[in-house]
PDB file of N, CA and C in Angstrom:
ATOM      1  N   UNK A   1     -18.035  -7.567 -15.344  1.00  0.00           N
ATOM      2  CA  UNK A   1     -17.122  -7.233 -16.222  1.00  0.00           C
ATOM      3  C   UNK A   1     -16.516  -5.835 -15.899  1.00  0.00           C
ATOM      4  N   UNK A   2     -15.208  -5.668 -16.056  1.00  0.00           N
ATOM      5  CA  UNK A   2     -14.582  -4.336 -15.618  1.00  0.00           C
ATOM      6  C   UNK A   2     -13.676  -4.023 -16.885  1.00  0.00           C
ATOM      7  N   UNK A   3     -13.143  -2.876 -16.837  1.00  0.00           N
ATOM      8  CA  UNK A   3     -12.256  -2.343 -17.839  1.00  0.00           C
ATOM      9  C   UNK A   3     -10.897  -2.048 -17.079  1.00  0.00           C
ATOM     10  N   UNK A   4      -9.830  -2.375 -17.712  1.00  0.00           N
ATOM     11  CA  UNK A   4      -8.504  -2.141 -17.203  1.00  0.00           C
ATOM     12  C   UNK A   4      -8.392  -0.507 -17.374  1.00  0.00           C
ATOM     13  N   UNK A   5      -7.871  -0.006 -16.335  1.00  0.00           N
ATOM     14  CA  UNK A   5      -7.786   1.549 -16.195  1.00  0.00           C
ATOM     15  C   UNK A   5      -6.608   1.978 -17.258  1.00  0.00           C
ATOM     16  N   UNK A   6      -5.705   1.045 -17.434  1.00  0.00           N
ATOM     17  CA  UNK A   6      -4.519   1.527 -18.316  1.00  0.00           C
ATOM     18  C   UNK A   6      -4.767   1.287 -19.871  1.00  0.00           C
ATOM     19  N   UNK A   7      -4.980   0.165 -20.214  1.00  0.00           N
ATOM     20  CA  UNK A   7      -5.183  -0.347 -21.653  1.00  0.00           C
ATOM     21  C   UNK A   7      -6.572  -0.422 -22.119  1.00  0.00           C
ATOM     22  N   UNK A   8      -7.524  -0.292 -21.158  1.00  0.00           N
ATOM     23  CA  UNK A   8      -9.126  -0.221 -21.563  1.00  0.00           C
ATOM     24  C   UNK A   8      -9.535  -1.621 -21.952  1.00  0.00           C
ATOM     25  N   UNK A   9      -8.804  -2.679 -21.811  1.00  0.00           N
ATOM     26  CA  UNK A   9      -9.323  -3.983 -22.139  1.00  0.00           C
ATOM     27  C   UNK A   9     -10.404  -4.478 -21.117  1.00  0.00           C
ATOM     28  N   UNK A  10     -11.281  -5.332 -21.571  1.00  0.00           N
ATOM     29  CA  UNK A  10     -12.231  -6.065 -20.748  1.00  0.00           C
ATOM     30  C   UNK A  10     -11.639  -6.997 -19.812  1.00  0.00           C
ATOM     31  N   UNK A  11     -11.824  -6.938 -18.561  1.00  0.00           N
ATOM     32  CA  UNK A  11     -11.242  -7.932 -17.812  1.00  0.00           C
ATOM     33  C   UNK A  11     -12.196  -8.431 -16.734  1.00  0.00           C
ATOM     34  N   UNK A  12     -11.850  -9.511 -16.033  1.00  0.00           N
ATOM     35  CA  UNK A  12     -12.665 -10.100 -14.947  1.00  0.00           C
ATOM     36  C   UNK A  12     -11.893 -10.154 -13.603  1.00  0.00           C
ATOM     37  N   UNK A  13     -12.421 -10.219 -12.554  1.00  0.00           N
ATOM     38  CA  UNK A  13     -11.694 -10.427 -11.313  1.00  0.00           C
ATOM     39  C   UNK A  13     -11.869 -11.665 -10.723  1.00  0.00           C
ATOM     40  N   UNK A  14     -10.790 -12.512 -10.477  1.00  0.00           N
ATOM     41  CA  UNK A  14     -10.818 -13.706  -9.922  1.00  0.00           C
ATOM     42  C   UNK A  14     -10.262 -13.787  -8.608  1.00  0.00           C
ATOM     43  N   UNK A  15     -10.826 -14.547  -7.683  1.00  0.00           N
ATOM     44  CA  UNK A  15     -10.330 -14.597  -6.331  1.00  0.00           C
ATOM     45  C   UNK A  15      -9.225 -15.746  -6.248  1.00  0.00           C
ATOM     46  N   UNK A  16      -8.149 -15.489  -5.722  1.00  0.00           N
ATOM     47  CA  UNK A  16      -7.180 -16.334  -5.439  1.00  0.00           C
ATOM     48  C   UNK A  16      -7.378 -17.256  -4.230  1.00  0.00           C
ATOM     49  N   UNK A  17      -7.614 -18.490  -4.287  1.00  0.00           N
ATOM     50  CA  UNK A  17      -8.150 -19.202  -3.264  1.00  0.00           C
ATOM     51  C   UNK A  17      -7.302 -19.278  -1.917  1.00  0.00           C
ATOM     52  N   UNK A  18      -6.008 -19.180  -2.082  1.00  0.00           N
ATOM     53  CA  UNK A  18      -5.040 -19.349  -0.979  1.00  0.00           C
ATOM     54  C   UNK A  18      -4.987 -18.018  -0.095  1.00  0.00           C
ATOM     55  N   UNK A  19      -5.254 -16.856  -0.854  1.00  0.00           N
ATOM     56  CA  UNK A  19      -5.029 -15.550  -0.142  1.00  0.00           C
ATOM     57  C   UNK A  19      -6.245 -14.767  -0.021  1.00  0.00           C
ATOM     58  N   UNK A  20      -7.450 -15.157  -0.730  1.00  0.00           N
ATOM     59  CA  UNK A  20      -8.637 -14.459  -0.845  1.00  0.00           C
ATOM     60  C   UNK A  20      -8.522 -13.085  -1.595  1.00  0.00           C
ATOM     61  N   UNK A  21      -7.388 -12.752  -2.177  1.00  0.00           N
ATOM     62  CA  UNK A  21      -7.327 -11.604  -2.868  1.00  0.00           C
ATOM     63  C   UNK A  21      -7.728 -11.709  -4.324  1.00  0.00           C
ATOM     64  N   UNK A  22      -8.055 -10.514  -4.973  1.00  0.00           N
ATOM     65  CA  UNK A  22      -8.585 -10.468  -6.247  1.00  0.00           C
ATOM     66  C   UNK A  22      -7.454 -10.310  -7.187  1.00  0.00           C
ATOM     67  N   UNK A  23      -7.503 -11.036  -8.361  1.00  0.00           N
ATOM     68  CA  UNK A  23      -6.473 -10.807  -9.456  1.00  0.00           C
ATOM     69  C   UNK A  23      -7.184 -10.675 -10.767  1.00  0.00           C
ATOM     70  N   UNK A  24      -6.679  -9.682 -11.620  1.00  0.00           N
ATOM     71  CA  UNK A  24      -7.414  -9.331 -12.899  1.00  0.00           C
ATOM     72  C   UNK A  24      -6.927 -10.323 -13.916  1.00  0.00           C
ATOM     73  N   UNK A  25      -8.037 -10.919 -14.645  1.00  0.00           N
ATOM     74  CA  UNK A  25      -7.766 -11.969 -15.711  1.00  0.00           C
ATOM     75  C   UNK A  25      -8.394 -11.476 -17.004  1.00  0.00           C
ATOM     76  N   UNK A  26      -7.681 -11.828 -17.954  1.00  0.00           N
ATOM     77  CA  UNK A  26      -8.402 -11.486 -19.335  1.00  0.00           C
ATOM     78  C   UNK A  26      -9.614 -12.160 -19.576  1.00  0.00           C
ATOM     79  N   UNK A  27     -10.542 -11.549 -20.381  1.00  0.00           N
ATOM     80  CA  UNK A  27     -11.869 -12.093 -20.671  1.00  0.00           C
ATOM     81  C   UNK A  27     -11.802 -13.018 -21.799  1.00  0.00           C
ATOM     82  N   UNK A  28     -10.923 -13.941 -21.649  1.00  0.00           N
ATOM     83  CA  UNK A  28     -10.865 -15.102 -22.809  1.00  0.00           C
ATOM     84  C   UNK A  28     -10.237 -16.276 -22.277  1.00  0.00           C
ATOM     85  N   UNK A  29     -10.671 -17.332 -22.748  1.00  0.00           N
ATOM     86  CA  UNK A  29      -9.948 -18.612 -22.328  1.00  0.00           C
ATOM     87  C   UNK A  29      -8.791 -18.928 -23.186  1.00  0.00           C
ATOM     88  N   UNK A  30      -7.657 -19.486 -22.542  1.00  0.00           N
ATOM     89  CA  UNK A  30      -6.556 -19.809 -23.266  1.00  0.00           C
ATOM     90  C   UNK A  30      -6.149 -21.285 -23.010  1.00  0.00           C
ATOM     91  N   UNK A  31      -5.369 -21.938 -23.757  1.00  0.00           N
ATOM     92  CA  UNK A  31      -4.971 -23.310 -23.505  1.00  0.00           C
ATOM     93  C   UNK A  31      -3.738 -23.277 -22.343  1.00  0.00           C
ATOM     94  N   UNK A  32      -3.655 -24.125 -21.386  1.00  0.00           N
ATOM     95  CA  UNK A  32      -2.655 -24.173 -20.431  1.00  0.00           C
ATOM     96  C   UNK A  32      -2.128 -25.582 -20.441  1.00  0.00           C
ATOM     97  N   UNK A  33      -0.868 -25.731 -20.339  1.00  0.00           N
ATOM     98  CA  UNK A  33      -0.250 -27.176 -20.150  1.00  0.00           C
ATOM     99  C   UNK A  33      -0.028 -27.135 -18.749  1.00  0.00           C
ATOM    100  N   UNK A  34      -0.492 -28.173 -18.107  1.00  0.00           N
ATOM    101  CA  UNK A  34      -0.177 -28.427 -16.641  1.00  0.00           C
ATOM    102  C   UNK A  34       1.349 -28.954 -16.436  1.00  0.00           C
ATOM    103  N   UNK A  35       1.618 -28.970 -15.063  1.00  0.00           N
ATOM    104  CA  UNK A  35       2.949 -29.571 -14.777  1.00  0.00           C
ATOM    105  C   UNK A  35       3.139 -30.964 -15.240  1.00  0.00           C
ATOM    106  N   UNK A  36       2.080 -31.781 -15.322  1.00  0.00           N
ATOM    107  CA  UNK A  36       2.147 -33.211 -15.683  1.00  0.00           C
ATOM    108  C   UNK A  36       1.853 -33.436 -17.171  1.00  0.00           C
ATOM    109  N   UNK A  37       1.743 -32.315 -17.991  1.00  0.00           N
ATOM    110  CA  UNK A  37       1.595 -32.375 -19.239  1.00  0.00           C
ATOM    111  C   UNK A  37       0.198 -32.484 -19.950  1.00  0.00           C
ATOM    112  N   UNK A  38      -0.799 -32.348 -19.018  1.00  0.00           N
ATOM    113  CA  UNK A  38      -2.231 -32.242 -19.591  1.00  0.00           C
ATOM    114  C   UNK A  38      -2.482 -30.856 -20.081  1.00  0.00           C
ATOM    115  N   UNK A  39      -3.343 -30.802 -21.076  1.00  0.00           N
ATOM    116  CA  UNK A  39      -3.849 -29.618 -21.701  1.00  0.00           C
ATOM    117  C   UNK A  39      -5.178 -29.289 -21.052  1.00  0.00           C
ATOM    118  N   UNK A  40      -5.264 -28.001 -20.469  1.00  0.00           N
ATOM    119  CA  UNK A  40      -6.507 -27.543 -20.011  1.00  0.00           C
ATOM    120  C   UNK A  40      -6.842 -26.156 -20.450  1.00  0.00           C
ATOM    121  N   UNK A  41      -8.126 -25.769 -20.224  1.00  0.00           N
ATOM    122  CA  UNK A  41      -8.510 -24.384 -20.631  1.00  0.00           C
ATOM    123  C   UNK A  41      -8.566 -23.547 -19.384  1.00  0.00           C
ATOM    124  N   UNK A  42      -8.243 -22.333 -19.435  1.00  0.00           N
ATOM    125  CA  UNK A  42      -8.192 -21.396 -18.262  1.00  0.00           C
ATOM    126  C   UNK A  42      -8.020 -20.076 -18.677  1.00  0.00           C
ATOM    127  N   UNK A  43      -8.001 -19.161 -17.667  1.00  0.00           N
ATOM    128  CA  UNK A  43      -7.858 -17.693 -18.010  1.00  0.00           C
ATOM    129  C   UNK A  43      -6.405 -17.320 -17.462  1.00  0.00           C
ATOM    130  N   UNK A  44      -5.798 -16.419 -18.297  1.00  0.00           N
ATOM    131  CA  UNK A  44      -4.475 -15.869 -17.897  1.00  0.00           C
ATOM    132  C   UNK A  44      -4.625 -14.493 -17.051  1.00  0.00           C
ATOM    133  N   UNK A  45      -3.689 -14.320 -16.196  1.00  0.00           N
ATOM    134  CA  UNK A  45      -3.637 -13.006 -15.511  1.00  0.00           C
ATOM    135  C   UNK A  45      -3.559 -11.939 -16.587  1.00  0.00           C
ATOM    136  N   UNK A  46      -4.278 -10.803 -16.263  1.00  0.00           N
ATOM    137  CA  UNK A  46      -4.107  -9.608 -17.176  1.00  0.00           C
ATOM    138  C   UNK A  46      -2.781  -9.021 -17.194  1.00  0.00           C
ATOM    139  N   UNK A  47      -2.071  -9.299 -16.148  1.00  0.00           N
ATOM    140  CA  UNK A  47      -0.594  -8.646 -16.023  1.00  0.00           C
ATOM    141  C   UNK A  47       0.235  -9.159 -17.135  1.00  0.00           C
ATOM    142  N   UNK A  48      -0.027 -10.429 -17.783  1.00  0.00           N
ATOM    143  CA  UNK A  48       0.750 -10.874 -18.855  1.00  0.00           C
ATOM    144  C   UNK A  48       0.557 -10.263 -20.128  1.00  0.00           C
ATOM    145  N   UNK A  49      -0.756  -9.693 -20.335  1.00  0.00           N
ATOM    146  CA  UNK A  49      -0.965  -9.164 -21.669  1.00  0.00           C
ATOM    147  C   UNK A  49      -1.059  -7.581 -21.561  1.00  0.00           C
ATOM    148  N   UNK A  50      -1.206  -7.040 -20.434  1.00  0.00           N
ATOM    149  CA  UNK A  50      -1.267  -5.631 -20.461  1.00  0.00           C
ATOM    150  C   UNK A  50       0.026  -4.792 -20.726  1.00  0.00           C
ATOM    151  N   UNK A  51       0.117  -3.961 -21.670  1.00  0.00           N
ATOM    152  CA  UNK A  51       1.271  -3.319 -21.981  1.00  0.00           C
ATOM    153  C   UNK A  51       1.762  -2.250 -20.788  1.00  0.00           C
ATOM    154  N   UNK A  52       0.810  -2.037 -19.868  1.00  0.00           N
ATOM    155  CA  UNK A  52       1.018  -0.986 -18.803  1.00  0.00           C
ATOM    156  C   UNK A  52       1.074  -1.744 -17.432  1.00  0.00           C
ATOM    157  N   UNK A  53       1.224  -3.030 -17.406  1.00  0.00           N
ATOM    158  CA  UNK A  53       1.176  -3.774 -16.093  1.00  0.00           C
ATOM    159  C   UNK A  53       2.252  -3.332 -15.053  1.00  0.00           C
ATOM    160  N   UNK A  54       3.450  -2.847 -15.500  1.00  0.00           N
ATOM    161  CA  UNK A  54       4.349  -2.414 -14.614  1.00  0.00           C
ATOM    162  C   UNK A  54       3.991  -1.343 -13.725  1.00  0.00           C
ATOM    163  N   UNK A  55       3.121  -0.505 -14.171  1.00  0.00           N
ATOM    164  CA  UNK A  55       2.651   0.638 -13.295  1.00  0.00           C
ATOM    165  C   UNK A  55       1.767   0.199 -12.316  1.00  0.00           C
ATOM    166  N   UNK A  56       1.250  -0.964 -12.282  1.00  0.00           N
ATOM    167  CA  UNK A  56       0.411  -1.536 -11.189  1.00  0.00           C
ATOM    168  C   UNK A  56       1.186  -2.340 -10.243  1.00  0.00           C
ATOM    169  N   UNK A  57       2.429  -2.672 -10.465  1.00  0.00           N
ATOM    170  CA  UNK A  57       3.210  -3.516  -9.489  1.00  0.00           C
ATOM    171  C   UNK A  57       3.517  -2.726  -8.299  1.00  0.00           C
ATOM    172  N   UNK A  58       3.528  -3.345  -7.206  1.00  0.00           N
ATOM    173  CA  UNK A  58       3.854  -2.756  -5.903  1.00  0.00           C
ATOM    174  C   UNK A  58       5.304  -2.897  -5.772  1.00  0.00           C
ATOM    175  N   UNK A  59       5.885  -1.800  -5.197  1.00  0.00           N
ATOM    176  CA  UNK A  59       7.435  -1.786  -5.082  1.00  0.00           C
ATOM    177  C   UNK A  59       7.805  -2.555  -3.864  1.00  0.00           C
ATOM    178  N   UNK A  60       8.826  -3.323  -4.075  1.00  0.00           N
ATOM    179  CA  UNK A  60       9.388  -4.208  -2.846  1.00  0.00           C
ATOM    180  C   UNK A  60       9.995  -3.170  -1.862  1.00  0.00           C
ATOM    181  N   UNK A  61       9.689  -3.508  -0.690  1.00  0.00           N
ATOM    182  CA  UNK A  61      10.289  -2.686   0.433  1.00  0.00           C
ATOM    183  C   UNK A  61      11.798  -3.119   0.460  1.00  0.00           C
ATOM    184  N   UNK A  62      12.612  -2.037   0.817  1.00  0.00           N
ATOM    185  CA  UNK A  62      14.093  -2.359   0.894  1.00  0.00           C
ATOM    186  C   UNK A  62      14.259  -2.590   2.402  1.00  0.00           C
ATOM    187  N   UNK A  63      15.237  -3.646   2.577  1.00  0.00           N
ATOM    188  CA  UNK A  63      15.644  -4.033   3.879  1.00  0.00           C
ATOM    189  C   UNK A  63      16.835  -3.076   4.275  1.00  0.00           C
ATOM    190  N   UNK A  64      16.629  -2.653   5.419  1.00  0.00           N
ATOM    191  CA  UNK A  64      17.837  -1.803   6.121  1.00  0.00           C
ATOM    192  C   UNK A  64      18.448  -2.647   7.139  1.00  0.00           C
ATOM    193  N   UNK A  65      19.716  -2.617   7.007  1.00  0.00           N
ATOM    194  CA  UNK A  65      20.538  -3.370   7.936  1.00  0.00           C
ATOM    195  C   UNK A  65      20.877  -2.512   9.084  1.00  0.00           C
ATOM    196  N   UNK A  66      20.664  -2.920  10.254  1.00  0.00           N
ATOM    197  CA  UNK A  66      20.925  -2.182  11.437  1.00  0.00           C
ATOM    198  C   UNK A  66      22.124  -2.411  12.144  1.00  0.00           C
TER     199      UNK A  66
END
């Protein structure tokens, strides 16, 4: 169990299978509707509930036309 540096909520770290990177998730289960309409239980990313999420977003690099 970890604590969000910004809002102090309890969070967990989940590994994204495709990239092997870690993503913060809320420490509670929510109902999720899948693309085919099924209802499943899962955890949502903490970026959707943290009021300070914007300060953790990486800035997109700007393209320079040469």
